[in-house]
Amino acid sequence: MGRIRTYVALGDSFTEGLNDPYPGERDRFRGWADRLAEHLDARDPGLRYANLAVRGKLVRQIVDDQVPRAVELSPDLVTFCGGGNDMLRPGADPDALAVVFDDAVRRLRATGARVVVFTGFDPRGLNTATRIRGRAATFNMHLRAIADRRDCDVVDLWSLRVFNDRRAWFEDRLHLSPEGHRRMALRVAEVIGVPVRGDWREPWPPPSPAGWITSRRADLHWARAYLLPWIGRRATGRSSGDGRDPKRPNALPL
């Protein structure tokens, strides 16, 4: 692959990097995109990197708020992941979302940028939100068709069974753990042809057994700490990203 001088990451909490905090910082997240930028910069020093992703954003919000800024930055590489928050909402229409997504990819490709898109994870493998599996699969098929039509790379999250391990996920059961983000960065680097040290397929160590009582306590903590607040935001029309700005709005050296 040619030299990547400017990389722009678009999306929601997955790309913002929740929950992979930098050491000593509670609300400044690293995540797979920052880690990928580090791999790119190690290969070709001098990379300029912007991360426009904001947690909680829907596809239309990503397209309206982030895509125009990405076009302005004239990137060599764009990663574009969105749709997970849409799929969690009742009545989500994957066919309509695909039209919006496709037009955004068209605009990004018109800049000459290499664009990487992501399918969604398989909810069955996550053991959460299995009710959305059908429409998530439909949206994934649209994303593959868009990638074919627009000549994009695809990171197929649906098939990544190594991420079915609970240790790939933070305790909220919705965002990757630091180790999950590390492996994701390795996978994306592999897709775009950047040589890195490490293997995202590396087997997990044997898990520590958890008893029934311990598992139920974890379920109760999850419901109180994460599920109920999420329901509250949905009921009041709020988002975790309300009032938040992108963490790296400008393409700057690492």
C-alpha atoms as a PDB file:
ATOM      1  CA  MET A   1       0.000   0.000   0.000  1.00  0.00           C
ATOM      2  CA  GLY A   2       1.081   3.592  -0.560  1.00  0.00           C
ATOM      3  CA  ARG A   3       2.098   5.977   2.159  1.00  0.00           C
ATOM      4  CA  ILE A   4      -0.690   7.215   4.435  1.00  0.00           C
ATOM      5  CA  ARG A   5      -0.003  10.812   5.385  1.00  0.00           C
ATOM      6  CA  THR A   6      -3.429  11.707   6.820  1.00  0.00           C
ATOM      7  CA  TYR A   7      -5.856   9.338   8.546  1.00  0.00           C
ATOM      8  CA  VAL A   8      -9.371  10.328   9.645  1.00  0.00           C
ATOM      9  CA  ALA A   9     -11.598   8.099  11.807  1.00  0.00           C
ATOM     10  CA  LEU A  10     -15.398   8.516  11.717  1.00  0.00           C
ATOM     11  CA  GLY A  11     -18.052   6.918  13.871  1.00  0.00           C
ATOM     12  CA  ASP A  12     -19.492   6.499  17.338  1.00  0.00           C
ATOM     13  CA  SER A  13     -18.238   5.130  20.671  1.00  0.00           C
ATOM     14  CA  PHE A  14     -16.622   2.128  18.976  1.00  0.00           C
ATOM     15  CA  THR A  15     -14.235   4.435  17.100  1.00  0.00           C
ATOM     16  CA  GLU A  16     -13.969   7.038  19.864  1.00  0.00           C
ATOM     17  CA  GLY A  17     -12.387   4.267  21.917  1.00  0.00           C
ATOM     18  CA  LEU A  18     -14.692   3.555  24.872  1.00  0.00           C
ATOM     19  CA  ASN A  19     -13.562   1.912  27.247  1.00  0.00           C
ATOM     20  CA  ASP A  20      -9.831   1.977  26.650  1.00  0.00           C
ATOM     21  CA  PRO A  21      -8.596   4.906  28.745  1.00  0.00           C
ATOM     22  CA  TYR A  22      -5.122   6.335  28.545  1.00  0.00           C
ATOM     23  CA  PRO A  23      -3.184   5.597  31.751  1.00  0.00           C
ATOM     24  CA  GLY A  24      -4.209   7.912  34.553  1.00  0.00           C
ATOM     25  CA  GLU A  25      -7.070   9.512  32.603  1.00  0.00           C
ATOM     26  CA  ARG A  26     -10.711   8.609  33.232  1.00  0.00           C
ATOM     27  CA  ASP A  27     -12.411  10.136  30.199  1.00  0.00           C
ATOM     28  CA  ARG A  28      -9.711  10.287  27.536  1.00  0.00           C
ATOM     29  CA  PHE A  29      -9.870   7.131  25.522  1.00  0.00           C
ATOM     30  CA  ARG A  30      -7.304   5.524  23.269  1.00  0.00           C
ATOM     31  CA  GLY A  31      -9.203   2.794  21.421  1.00  0.00           C
ATOM     32  CA  TRP A  32      -8.432   0.814  18.309  1.00  0.00           C
ATOM     33  CA  ALA A  33      -8.326   3.869  15.999  1.00  0.00           C
ATOM     34  CA  ASP A  34      -5.641   5.621  18.075  1.00  0.00           C
ATOM     35  CA  ARG A  35      -3.762   2.328  18.242  1.00  0.00           C
ATOM     36  CA  LEU A  36      -4.053   1.933  14.462  1.00  0.00           C
ATOM     37  CA  ALA A  37      -2.713   5.462  14.013  1.00  0.00           C
ATOM     38  CA  GLU A  38       0.262   4.481  16.155  1.00  0.00           C
ATOM     39  CA  HIS A  39       0.906   1.475  13.900  1.00  0.00           C
ATOM     40  CA  LEU A  40       0.679   3.677  10.813  1.00  0.00           C
ATOM     41  CA  ASP A  41       3.027   6.265  12.267  1.00  0.00           C
ATOM     42  CA  ALA A  42       5.548   3.568  13.183  1.00  0.00           C
ATOM     43  CA  ARG A  43       5.546   2.479   9.540  1.00  0.00           C
ATOM     44  CA  ASP A  44       5.717   5.993   8.060  1.00  0.00           C
ATOM     45  CA  PRO A  45       6.592   8.637  10.684  1.00  0.00           C
ATOM     46  CA  GLY A  46       4.821  11.959  10.381  1.00  0.00           C
ATOM     47  CA  LEU A  47       1.236  10.716  10.162  1.00  0.00           C
ATOM     48  CA  ARG A  48      -1.461  13.339  10.716  1.00  0.00           C
ATOM     49  CA  TYR A  49      -4.472  11.873  12.496  1.00  0.00           C
ATOM     50  CA  ALA A  50      -7.980  13.110  13.282  1.00  0.00           C
ATOM     51  CA  ASN A  51     -10.661  11.196  15.182  1.00  0.00           C
ATOM     52  CA  LEU A  52     -14.085  12.779  14.713  1.00  0.00           C
ATOM     53  CA  ALA A  53     -16.069   9.967  16.344  1.00  0.00           C
ATOM     54  CA  VAL A  54     -18.467  10.793  19.176  1.00  0.00           C
ATOM     55  CA  ARG A  55     -20.243   8.271  21.374  1.00  0.00           C
ATOM     56  CA  GLY A  56     -23.953   7.713  20.880  1.00  0.00           C
ATOM     57  CA  LYS A  57     -24.110   9.072  17.340  1.00  0.00           C
ATOM     58  CA  LEU A  58     -26.500   7.701  14.721  1.00  0.00           C
ATOM     59  CA  VAL A  59     -25.599   7.220  11.068  1.00  0.00           C
ATOM     60  CA  ARG A  60     -27.341  10.415   9.978  1.00  0.00           C
ATOM     61  CA  GLN A  61     -25.517  12.417  12.652  1.00  0.00           C
ATOM     62  CA  ILE A  62     -22.160  10.937  11.634  1.00  0.00           C
ATOM     63  CA  VAL A  63     -22.859  11.777   8.003  1.00  0.00           C
ATOM     64  CA  ASP A  64     -24.059  15.316   8.732  1.00  0.00           C
ATOM     65  CA  ASP A  65     -21.446  16.268  11.339  1.00  0.00           C
ATOM     66  CA  GLN A  66     -18.330  14.249  10.553  1.00  0.00           C
ATOM     67  CA  VAL A  67     -18.231  13.501   6.833  1.00  0.00           C
ATOM     68  CA  PRO A  68     -17.997  17.154   5.668  1.00  0.00           C
ATOM     69  CA  ARG A  69     -15.091  17.737   8.047  1.00  0.00           C
ATOM     70  CA  ALA A  70     -13.382  14.567   6.825  1.00  0.00           C
ATOM     71  CA  VAL A  71     -13.706  15.757   3.216  1.00  0.00           C
ATOM     72  CA  GLU A  72     -12.092  19.083   4.201  1.00  0.00           C
ATOM     73  CA  LEU A  73      -9.097  17.277   5.678  1.00  0.00           C
ATOM     74  CA  SER A  74      -8.286  15.509   2.357  1.00  0.00           C
ATOM     75  CA  PRO A  75      -7.272  12.232   4.004  1.00  0.00           C
ATOM     76  CA  ASP A  76      -5.436   9.328   2.441  1.00  0.00           C
ATOM     77  CA  LEU A  77      -7.296   6.886   4.704  1.00  0.00           C
ATOM     78  CA  VAL A  78     -10.760   7.005   6.285  1.00  0.00           C
ATOM     79  CA  THR A  79     -12.289   4.433   8.616  1.00  0.00           C
ATOM     80  CA  PHE A  80     -16.072   4.703   8.761  1.00  0.00           C
ATOM     81  CA  CYS A  81     -18.104   2.654  11.222  1.00  0.00           C
ATOM     82  CA  GLY A  82     -21.687   3.468  12.154  1.00  0.00           C
ATOM     83  CA  GLY A  83     -25.126   1.975  12.530  1.00  0.00           C
ATOM     84  CA  GLY A  84     -24.873   0.133  15.818  1.00  0.00           C
ATOM     85  CA  ASN A  85     -26.790   2.796  17.727  1.00  0.00           C
ATOM     86  CA  ASP A  86     -29.420   2.886  14.994  1.00  0.00           C
ATOM     87  CA  MET A  87     -29.901  -0.891  15.153  1.00  0.00           C
ATOM     88  CA  LEU A  88     -30.622  -0.709  18.892  1.00  0.00           C
ATOM     89  CA  ARG A  89     -33.565   1.618  18.341  1.00  0.00           C
ATOM     90  CA  PRO A  90     -37.040   0.194  17.681  1.00  0.00           C
ATOM     91  CA  GLY A  91     -38.158   0.681  14.117  1.00  0.00           C
ATOM     92  CA  ALA A  92     -34.664   1.075  12.658  1.00  0.00           C
ATOM     93  CA  ASP A  93     -34.789   0.725   8.863  1.00  0.00           C
ATOM     94  CA  PRO A  94     -31.543  -0.834   7.547  1.00  0.00           C
ATOM     95  CA  ASP A  95     -32.583  -0.198   3.930  1.00  0.00           C
ATOM     96  CA  ALA A  96     -33.013   3.537   4.485  1.00  0.00           C
ATOM     97  CA  LEU A  97     -29.824   3.733   6.538  1.00  0.00           C
ATOM     98  CA  ALA A  98     -27.898   2.075   3.728  1.00  0.00           C
ATOM     99  CA  VAL A  99     -28.894   4.847   1.312  1.00  0.00           C
ATOM    100  CA  VAL A 100     -27.503   7.481   3.683  1.00  0.00           C
ATOM    101  CA  PHE A 101     -24.355   5.456   4.318  1.00  0.00           C
ATOM    102  CA  ASP A 102     -23.750   4.871   0.612  1.00  0.00           C
ATOM    103  CA  ASP A 103     -23.946   8.565  -0.244  1.00  0.00           C
ATOM    104  CA  ALA A 104     -21.447   9.349   2.516  1.00  0.00           C
ATOM    105  CA  VAL A 105     -19.016   6.738   1.197  1.00  0.00           C
ATOM    106  CA  ARG A 106     -19.417   8.172  -2.308  1.00  0.00           C
ATOM    107  CA  ARG A 107     -18.418  11.605  -1.021  1.00  0.00           C
ATOM    108  CA  LEU A 108     -15.444  10.238   0.889  1.00  0.00           C
ATOM    109  CA  ARG A 109     -14.202   8.197  -2.074  1.00  0.00           C
ATOM    110  CA  ALA A 110     -14.503  11.264  -4.314  1.00  0.00           C
ATOM    111  CA  THR A 111     -11.626  12.813  -2.341  1.00  0.00           C
ATOM    112  CA  GLY A 112      -9.380   9.945  -3.446  1.00  0.00           C
ATOM    113  CA  ALA A 113      -9.223   8.534   0.064  1.00  0.00           C
ATOM    114  CA  ARG A 114      -9.029   4.829   0.754  1.00  0.00           C
ATOM    115  CA  VAL A 115     -12.144   4.024   2.792  1.00  0.00           C
ATOM    116  CA  VAL A 116     -12.541   1.169   5.262  1.00  0.00           C
ATOM    117  CA  VAL A 117     -16.057   0.215   6.389  1.00  0.00           C
ATOM    118  CA  PHE A 118     -17.097  -2.163   9.151  1.00  0.00           C
ATOM    119  CA  THR A 119     -19.926  -4.636   9.418  1.00  0.00           C
ATOM    120  CA  GLY A 120     -21.568  -4.966  12.825  1.00  0.00           C
ATOM    121  CA  PHE A 121     -20.760  -7.650  15.375  1.00  0.00           C
ATOM    122  CA  ASP A 122     -23.050 -10.668  15.526  1.00  0.00           C
ATOM    123  CA  PRO A 123     -25.375  -9.989  18.512  1.00  0.00           C
ATOM    124  CA  ARG A 124     -25.702 -13.707  19.112  1.00  0.00           C
ATOM    125  CA  GLY A 125     -22.001 -13.944  19.730  1.00  0.00           C
ATOM    126  CA  LEU A 126     -22.193 -11.040  22.156  1.00  0.00           C
ATOM    127  CA  ASN A 127     -25.096 -12.584  24.065  1.00  0.00           C
ATOM    128  CA  THR A 128     -26.740  -9.165  24.097  1.00  0.00           C
ATOM    129  CA  ALA A 129     -29.404  -7.539  21.938  1.00  0.00           C
ATOM    130  CA  THR A 130     -30.165 -10.727  20.019  1.00  0.00           C
ATOM    131  CA  ARG A 131     -33.557  -9.263  19.055  1.00  0.00           C
ATOM    132  CA  ILE A 132     -31.828  -6.957  16.553  1.00  0.00           C
ATOM    133  CA  ARG A 133     -29.936  -9.757  14.806  1.00  0.00           C
ATOM    134  CA  GLY A 134     -32.134  -9.859  11.701  1.00  0.00           C
ATOM    135  CA  ARG A 135     -31.987  -6.183  10.846  1.00  0.00           C
ATOM    136  CA  ALA A 136     -28.291  -6.024  11.783  1.00  0.00           C
ATOM    137  CA  ALA A 137     -27.609  -8.810   9.284  1.00  0.00           C
ATOM    138  CA  THR A 138     -29.614  -6.947   6.632  1.00  0.00           C
ATOM    139  CA  PHE A 139     -27.601  -3.768   7.222  1.00  0.00           C
ATOM    140  CA  ASN A 140     -24.371  -5.772   7.025  1.00  0.00           C
ATOM    141  CA  MET A 141     -25.335  -7.083   3.602  1.00  0.00           C
ATOM    142  CA  HIS A 142     -25.953  -3.518   2.448  1.00  0.00           C
ATOM    143  CA  LEU A 143     -22.549  -2.468   3.786  1.00  0.00           C
ATOM    144  CA  ARG A 144     -20.837  -5.244   1.847  1.00  0.00           C
ATOM    145  CA  ALA A 145     -22.645  -4.209  -1.317  1.00  0.00           C
ATOM    146  CA  ILE A 146     -21.646  -0.574  -0.760  1.00  0.00           C
ATOM    147  CA  ALA A 147     -18.027  -1.582  -0.249  1.00  0.00           C
ATOM    148  CA  ASP A 148     -18.076  -3.586  -3.479  1.00  0.00           C
ATOM    149  CA  ARG A 149     -19.687  -0.773  -5.425  1.00  0.00           C
ATOM    150  CA  ARG A 150     -17.404   1.953  -4.040  1.00  0.00           C
ATOM    151  CA  ASP A 151     -14.212  -0.146  -3.941  1.00  0.00           C
ATOM    152  CA  CYS A 152     -13.743  -0.028  -0.166  1.00  0.00           C
ATOM    153  CA  ASP A 153     -12.024  -2.345   2.283  1.00  0.00           C
ATOM    154  CA  VAL A 154     -14.251  -4.233   4.720  1.00  0.00           C
ATOM    155  CA  VAL A 155     -13.553  -5.254   8.305  1.00  0.00           C
ATOM    156  CA  ASP A 156     -16.065  -8.034   8.862  1.00  0.00           C
ATOM    157  CA  LEU A 157     -16.816  -7.866  12.582  1.00  0.00           C
ATOM    158  CA  TRP A 158     -19.664 -10.389  12.246  1.00  0.00           C
ATOM    159  CA  SER A 159     -17.225 -13.246  11.614  1.00  0.00           C
ATOM    160  CA  LEU A 160     -14.628 -12.418  14.298  1.00  0.00           C
ATOM    161  CA  ARG A 161     -15.323 -15.253  16.732  1.00  0.00           C
ATOM    162  CA  VAL A 162     -12.291 -14.398  18.874  1.00  0.00           C
ATOM    163  CA  PHE A 163     -14.347 -11.411  20.058  1.00  0.00           C
ATOM    164  CA  ASN A 164     -17.011 -13.716  21.454  1.00  0.00           C
ATOM    165  CA  ASP A 165     -14.865 -14.091  24.568  1.00  0.00           C
ATOM    166  CA  ARG A 166     -16.208 -11.943  27.397  1.00  0.00           C
ATOM    167  CA  ARG A 167     -12.701 -10.587  28.047  1.00  0.00           C
ATOM    168  CA  ALA A 168     -12.846  -8.748  24.726  1.00  0.00           C
ATOM    169  CA  TRP A 169     -15.621  -6.601  26.212  1.00  0.00           C
ATOM    170  CA  PHE A 170     -15.887  -4.018  28.948  1.00  0.00           C
ATOM    171  CA  GLU A 171     -18.277  -4.724  31.815  1.00  0.00           C
ATOM    172  CA  ASP A 172     -21.010  -2.690  30.104  1.00  0.00           C
ATOM    173  CA  ARG A 173     -21.211  -5.528  27.512  1.00  0.00           C
ATOM    174  CA  LEU A 174     -21.432  -2.975  24.708  1.00  0.00           C
ATOM    175  CA  HIS A 175     -17.913  -1.598  24.236  1.00  0.00           C
ATOM    176  CA  LEU A 176     -14.585  -3.321  23.744  1.00  0.00           C
ATOM    177  CA  SER A 177     -12.137  -3.764  26.591  1.00  0.00           C
ATOM    178  CA  PRO A 178      -8.556  -2.453  26.249  1.00  0.00           C
ATOM    179  CA  GLU A 179      -7.494  -5.913  25.065  1.00  0.00           C
ATOM    180  CA  GLY A 180     -10.410  -5.955  22.619  1.00  0.00           C
ATOM    181  CA  HIS A 181      -9.299  -2.602  21.211  1.00  0.00           C
ATOM    182  CA  ARG A 182      -5.708  -3.821  20.908  1.00  0.00           C
ATOM    183  CA  ARG A 183      -6.817  -6.834  18.891  1.00  0.00           C
ATOM    184  CA  MET A 184      -9.154  -4.732  16.764  1.00  0.00           C
ATOM    185  CA  ALA A 185      -6.319  -2.404  15.782  1.00  0.00           C
ATOM    186  CA  LEU A 186      -4.285  -5.423  14.703  1.00  0.00           C
ATOM    187  CA  ARG A 187      -7.185  -6.710  12.618  1.00  0.00           C
ATOM    188  CA  VAL A 188      -7.741  -3.391  10.843  1.00  0.00           C
ATOM    189  CA  ALA A 189      -4.014  -3.093  10.161  1.00  0.00           C
ATOM    190  CA  GLU A 190      -4.107  -6.547   8.590  1.00  0.00           C
ATOM    191  CA  VAL A 191      -7.034  -5.593   6.356  1.00  0.00           C
ATOM    192  CA  ILE A 192      -5.266  -2.527   4.987  1.00  0.00           C
ATOM    193  CA  GLY A 193      -1.932  -4.324   4.637  1.00  0.00           C
ATOM    194  CA  VAL A 194       0.116  -2.647   7.378  1.00  0.00           C
ATOM    195  CA  PRO A 195       2.631  -5.048   8.959  1.00  0.00           C
ATOM    196  CA  VAL A 196       2.434  -5.077  12.755  1.00  0.00           C
ATOM    197  CA  ARG A 197       3.738  -7.150  15.616  1.00  0.00           C
ATOM    198  CA  GLY A 198       1.091  -9.269  17.298  1.00  0.00           C
ATOM    199  CA  ASP A 199      -1.786 -11.470  16.192  1.00  0.00           C
ATOM    200  CA  TRP A 200      -5.418 -10.607  16.814  1.00  0.00           C
ATOM    201  CA  ARG A 201      -6.251 -14.316  16.550  1.00  0.00           C
ATOM    202  CA  GLU A 202      -4.078 -15.237  19.529  1.00  0.00           C
ATOM    203  CA  PRO A 203      -6.022 -17.703  21.728  1.00  0.00           C
ATOM    204  CA  TRP A 204      -7.315 -16.386  25.021  1.00  0.00           C
ATOM    205  CA  PRO A 205      -5.901 -17.922  28.212  1.00  0.00           C
ATOM    206  CA  PRO A 206      -8.259 -20.361  29.953  1.00  0.00           C
ATOM    207  CA  PRO A 207     -10.995 -18.341  31.693  1.00  0.00           C
ATOM    208  CA  SER A 208     -11.400 -18.264  35.438  1.00  0.00           C
ATOM    209  CA  PRO A 209     -14.602 -20.141  36.349  1.00  0.00           C
ATOM    210  CA  ALA A 210     -17.420 -17.953  37.670  1.00  0.00           C
ATOM    211  CA  GLY A 211     -20.031 -19.423  39.977  1.00  0.00           C
ATOM    212  CA  TRP A 212     -23.759 -18.895  39.623  1.00  0.00           C
ATOM    213  CA  ILE A 213     -23.927 -16.322  42.427  1.00  0.00           C
ATOM    214  CA  THR A 214     -20.994 -14.356  41.026  1.00  0.00           C
ATOM    215  CA  SER A 215     -22.584 -14.321  37.562  1.00  0.00           C
ATOM    216  CA  ARG A 216     -25.942 -13.135  38.921  1.00  0.00           C
ATOM    217  CA  ARG A 217     -24.265 -10.350  40.896  1.00  0.00           C
ATOM    218  CA  ALA A 218     -22.493  -9.269  37.712  1.00  0.00           C
ATOM    219  CA  ASP A 219     -25.834  -9.268  35.871  1.00  0.00           C
ATOM    220  CA  LEU A 220     -27.416  -7.126  38.585  1.00  0.00           C
ATOM    221  CA  HIS A 221     -24.521  -4.665  38.547  1.00  0.00           C
ATOM    222  CA  TRP A 222     -24.739  -4.434  34.754  1.00  0.00           C
ATOM    223  CA  ALA A 223     -28.475  -3.740  34.857  1.00  0.00           C
ATOM    224  CA  ARG A 224     -28.131  -1.012  37.477  1.00  0.00           C
ATOM    225  CA  ALA A 225     -24.993   0.641  36.161  1.00  0.00           C
ATOM    226  CA  TYR A 226     -25.589   0.420  32.413  1.00  0.00           C
ATOM    227  CA  LEU A 227     -28.960  -0.921  31.271  1.00  0.00           C
ATOM    228  CA  LEU A 228     -31.206   1.342  33.347  1.00  0.00           C
ATOM    229  CA  PRO A 229     -29.306   4.548  32.465  1.00  0.00           C
ATOM    230  CA  TRP A 230     -29.440   3.549  28.792  1.00  0.00           C
ATOM    231  CA  ILE A 231     -33.207   3.036  29.012  1.00  0.00           C
ATOM    232  CA  GLY A 232     -33.520   6.400  30.757  1.00  0.00           C
ATOM    233  CA  ARG A 233     -31.682   8.178  27.954  1.00  0.00           C
ATOM    234  CA  ARG A 234     -33.853   6.513  25.327  1.00  0.00           C
ATOM    235  CA  ALA A 235     -37.038   7.448  27.185  1.00  0.00           C
ATOM    236  CA  THR A 236     -36.037  11.112  27.402  1.00  0.00           C
ATOM    237  CA  GLY A 237     -34.494  11.422  23.940  1.00  0.00           C
ATOM    238  CA  ARG A 238     -30.984  12.002  25.264  1.00  0.00           C
ATOM    239  CA  SER A 239     -27.689  10.572  24.037  1.00  0.00           C
ATOM    240  CA  SER A 240     -24.398   9.850  25.771  1.00  0.00           C
ATOM    241  CA  GLY A 241     -22.774  12.071  23.161  1.00  0.00           C
ATOM    242  CA  ASP A 242     -24.905  15.160  23.727  1.00  0.00           C
ATOM    243  CA  GLY A 243     -22.680  18.217  24.093  1.00  0.00           C
ATOM    244  CA  ARG A 244     -19.472  16.307  23.318  1.00  0.00           C
ATOM    245  CA  ASP A 245     -16.942  17.373  20.733  1.00  0.00           C
ATOM    246  CA  PRO A 246     -14.632  15.016  18.822  1.00  0.00           C
ATOM    247  CA  LYS A 247     -11.467  14.170  20.721  1.00  0.00           C
ATOM    248  CA  ARG A 248      -9.203  14.959  17.727  1.00  0.00           C
ATOM    249  CA  PRO A 249     -11.078  17.389  15.439  1.00  0.00           C
ATOM    250  CA  ASN A 250      -7.931  18.367  13.546  1.00  0.00           C
ATOM    251  CA  ALA A 251      -5.460  16.200  11.643  1.00  0.00           C
ATOM    252  CA  LEU A 252      -2.376  16.596  13.810  1.00  0.00           C
ATOM    253  CA  PRO A 253       0.825  14.594  14.261  1.00  0.00           C
ATOM    254  CA  LEU A 254       0.726  11.997  17.011  1.00  0.00           C
END
